[in-house]
N, C-alpha and C. Protein backbone atom coordinates (compact mmCIF):
# COMPACT_ATOMS: atom_id res chain seq x y z
N UNK A 1 172.12 -31.13 91.62
CA UNK A 1 171.61 -32.43 91.21
C UNK A 1 170.29 -32.62 91.68
N UNK A 2 170.05 -33.53 90.76
CA UNK A 2 168.16 -33.39 90.18
C UNK A 2 168.28 -34.48 91.93
N UNK A 3 167.48 -34.00 92.18
CA UNK A 3 166.25 -35.33 93.33
C UNK A 3 166.33 -37.03 92.67
N UNK A 4 166.14 -37.32 91.51
CA UNK A 4 166.04 -38.09 91.12
C UNK A 4 166.46 -38.31 89.52
N UNK A 5 166.82 -39.32 89.07
CA UNK A 5 167.43 -39.84 87.72
C UNK A 5 166.92 -40.09 86.79
N UNK A 6 166.66 -40.67 84.98
CA UNK A 6 165.50 -41.32 84.73
C UNK A 6 166.69 -42.24 84.00
N UNK A 7 166.85 -43.37 84.11
CA UNK A 7 167.61 -43.96 83.12
C UNK A 7 166.73 -45.13 82.46
N UNK A 8 165.59 -45.10 82.16
CA UNK A 8 164.85 -45.63 81.77
C UNK A 8 165.30 -46.26 80.40
N UNK A 9 165.54 -45.43 79.76
CA UNK A 9 165.88 -44.90 78.11
C UNK A 9 167.56 -45.57 77.71
N UNK A 10 168.17 -45.54 79.17
CA UNK A 10 169.81 -45.76 78.60
C UNK A 10 170.36 -46.80 78.47
N UNK A 11 171.40 -47.26 77.68
CA UNK A 11 171.90 -48.34 77.08
C UNK A 11 172.89 -48.65 77.77
N UNK A 12 172.99 -49.46 78.83
CA UNK A 12 173.91 -50.48 79.06
C UNK A 12 175.54 -50.45 77.87
N UNK A 13 176.81 -49.98 78.86
CA UNK A 13 177.68 -50.17 77.88
C UNK A 13 177.94 -49.41 76.63
N UNK A 14 177.03 -48.31 76.10
CA UNK A 14 177.64 -47.43 75.79
C UNK A 14 178.63 -46.42 75.50
N UNK A 15 179.45 -46.45 76.87
CA UNK A 15 180.47 -45.96 76.72
C UNK A 15 181.62 -46.14 77.36
N UNK A 16 181.71 -48.11 77.29
CA UNK A 16 182.56 -48.74 78.01
C UNK A 16 183.23 -49.20 76.64
N UNK A 17 184.70 -49.69 77.67
CA UNK A 17 185.17 -50.55 76.28
C UNK A 17 186.15 -51.88 77.18
N UNK A 18 186.62 -52.58 76.32
CA UNK A 18 187.32 -53.55 76.18
C UNK A 18 188.27 -53.78 77.37
N UNK A 19 188.64 -54.77 78.39
CA UNK A 19 190.27 -53.54 79.45
C UNK A 19 190.94 -55.17 78.98
N UNK A 20 190.31 -55.66 78.06
CA UNK A 20 191.59 -56.50 77.88
C UNK A 20 192.40 -55.48 75.87
N UNK A 21 191.39 -55.03 75.97
CA UNK A 21 192.45 -54.01 74.80
C UNK A 21 192.64 -52.86 74.86
N UNK A 22 193.22 -52.75 76.27
CA UNK A 22 193.63 -51.45 76.77
C UNK A 22 195.53 -51.54 76.91
N UNK A 23 195.68 -50.42 76.90
CA UNK A 23 196.86 -50.37 76.57
C UNK A 23 197.72 -49.10 77.55
N UNK A 24 198.29 -49.90 78.43
CA UNK A 24 199.32 -48.90 79.18
C UNK A 24 200.44 -47.53 78.73
N UNK A 25 200.56 -46.46 78.36
CA UNK A 25 201.77 -46.55 78.07
C UNK A 25 202.85 -46.34 79.52
N UNK A 26 204.43 -47.12 79.25
CA UNK A 26 205.37 -47.01 79.68
C UNK A 26 206.56 -46.11 78.78
N UNK A 27 206.83 -45.51 80.45
CA UNK A 27 207.98 -44.24 80.32
C UNK A 27 209.50 -45.03 80.89
N UNK A 28 209.91 -44.76 79.80
CA UNK A 28 211.61 -44.98 80.32
C UNK A 28 212.59 -43.55 80.08
N UNK A 29 213.45 -44.13 81.15
CA UNK A 29 214.84 -42.98 81.74
C UNK A 29 215.03 -42.93 80.11
N UNK A 30 215.21 -41.38 80.46
CA UNK A 30 215.24 -40.29 79.14
C UNK A 30 216.96 -40.97 78.04
N UNK A 31 217.35 -41.88 79.15
CA UNK A 31 219.12 -42.12 78.51
C UNK A 31 218.74 -43.52 77.74
N UNK A 32 217.67 -44.40 78.51
CA UNK A 32 217.75 -45.73 77.78
C UNK A 32 216.39 -45.50 76.84
N UNK A 33 215.19 -44.41 76.40
CA UNK A 33 214.73 -44.29 75.51
C UNK A 33 215.89 -43.59 74.01
N UNK A 34 216.85 -42.93 74.67
CA UNK A 34 217.79 -41.99 73.81
C UNK A 34 218.61 -43.22 72.93
N UNK A 35 218.92 -43.77 73.63
CA UNK A 35 219.76 -45.19 73.43
C UNK A 35 219.44 -46.19 72.86
N UNK A 36 217.64 -46.60 72.87
CA UNK A 36 217.39 -47.21 71.92
C UNK A 36 216.41 -46.69 71.11
N UNK A 37 216.38 -46.04 70.98
CA UNK A 37 216.03 -45.27 70.09
C UNK A 37 217.14 -45.30 68.44
N UNK A 38 218.41 -44.47 69.21
CA UNK A 38 219.10 -45.19 67.92
C UNK A 38 219.22 -46.14 67.56
N UNK A 39 219.39 -47.57 68.22
CA UNK A 39 218.98 -48.46 67.60
C UNK A 39 218.15 -49.15 66.89
N UNK A 40 216.71 -48.37 67.38
CA UNK A 40 215.56 -48.85 66.33
C UNK A 40 216.14 -48.05 64.89
N UNK A 41 216.36 -46.61 65.14
CA UNK A 41 216.96 -45.96 63.90
C UNK A 41 218.08 -47.15 62.50
N UNK A 42 218.72 -47.39 62.95
CA UNK A 42 220.10 -48.37 62.48
C UNK A 42 219.19 -49.71 62.12
N UNK A 43 218.66 -50.05 62.57
CA UNK A 43 217.43 -51.38 62.60
C UNK A 43 216.51 -50.94 61.46
N UNK A 44 215.75 -49.64 61.31
CA UNK A 44 214.49 -49.24 60.65
C UNK A 44 213.58 -49.88 61.42
N UNK A 45 213.83 -49.78 62.92
CA UNK A 45 212.13 -50.97 63.42
C UNK A 45 211.94 -49.33 64.36
N UNK A 46 210.19 -49.39 64.63
CA UNK A 46 209.77 -49.28 65.67
C UNK A 46 210.46 -49.10 67.13
N UNK A 47 210.12 -48.26 68.15
CA UNK A 47 211.21 -48.56 69.32
C UNK A 47 210.62 -49.58 70.07
N UNK A 48 208.98 -49.33 69.58
CA UNK A 48 208.28 -51.12 70.48
C UNK A 48 208.76 -51.98 69.88
N UNK A 49 209.30 -52.24 69.16
CA UNK A 49 209.68 -52.95 68.42
C UNK A 49 210.49 -53.86 69.06
N UNK A 50 211.79 -52.49 69.28
CA UNK A 50 212.84 -52.70 69.65
C UNK A 50 213.10 -53.28 71.75
N UNK A 51 212.35 -52.84 72.41
CA UNK A 51 211.68 -52.84 73.97
C UNK A 51 211.29 -54.32 73.72
N UNK A 52 210.08 -54.49 72.75
CA UNK A 52 209.68 -55.74 73.19
C UNK A 52 210.51 -57.03 72.89
N UNK A 53 211.47 -56.56 71.97
CA UNK A 53 212.56 -57.89 71.52
C UNK A 53 213.03 -58.41 72.87
N UNK A 54 213.71 -56.84 73.40
CA UNK A 54 214.85 -56.70 74.70
C UNK A 54 213.90 -57.74 75.93
N UNK A 55 213.04 -57.07 76.13
CA UNK A 55 212.10 -57.90 77.15
C UNK A 55 212.30 -59.73 76.71
N UNK A 56 211.48 -59.72 75.10
CA UNK A 56 211.21 -60.54 76.04
C UNK A 56 212.62 -62.19 75.98
N UNK A 57 213.54 -61.57 75.63
CA UNK A 57 215.08 -61.83 75.69
C UNK A 57 215.14 -62.29 77.19
N UNK A 58 214.57 -61.39 78.34
CA UNK A 58 215.02 -61.39 79.42
C UNK A 58 213.97 -62.19 79.81
N UNK A 59 213.01 -62.63 79.82
CA UNK A 59 212.04 -63.25 80.08
C UNK A 59 212.65 -64.74 80.04
N UNK A 60 213.13 -65.00 78.88
CA UNK A 60 213.64 -66.20 78.10
C UNK A 60 214.68 -66.02 78.99
N UNK A 61 215.08 -65.65 78.91
CA UNK A 61 216.14 -65.08 80.36
C UNK A 61 216.77 -66.16 81.61
N UNK A 62 214.89 -65.35 81.95
CA UNK A 62 214.92 -65.58 83.75
C UNK A 62 214.10 -67.13 83.68
N UNK A 63 213.58 -67.34 82.69
CA UNK A 63 212.75 -68.45 82.54
C UNK A 63 213.46 -69.68 82.51
N UNK A 64 214.64 -69.85 82.24
CA UNK A 64 215.87 -70.90 81.73
C UNK A 64 216.44 -70.59 83.20
N UNK A 65 216.39 -69.40 83.85
CA UNK A 65 216.63 -69.79 85.16
C UNK A 65 216.46 -70.48 86.25
N UNK A 66 214.70 -69.98 86.40
CA UNK A 66 214.09 -71.32 86.72
C UNK A 66 214.02 -72.87 87.74
């Protein structure tokens, strides 16, 4: 490593991105994934769409219990 680095011509934020648009992967149990993939194929939908619909219903159910 050098003793000193010159950052005088550097541009701030060149390699960063907005974290609110960052999506983390979610890994399903293989049995769950296979089950919901079959449902997604039957409905001609994306697996993410099916999982999101299920989670929204779960959220509504939890909210109604509070």
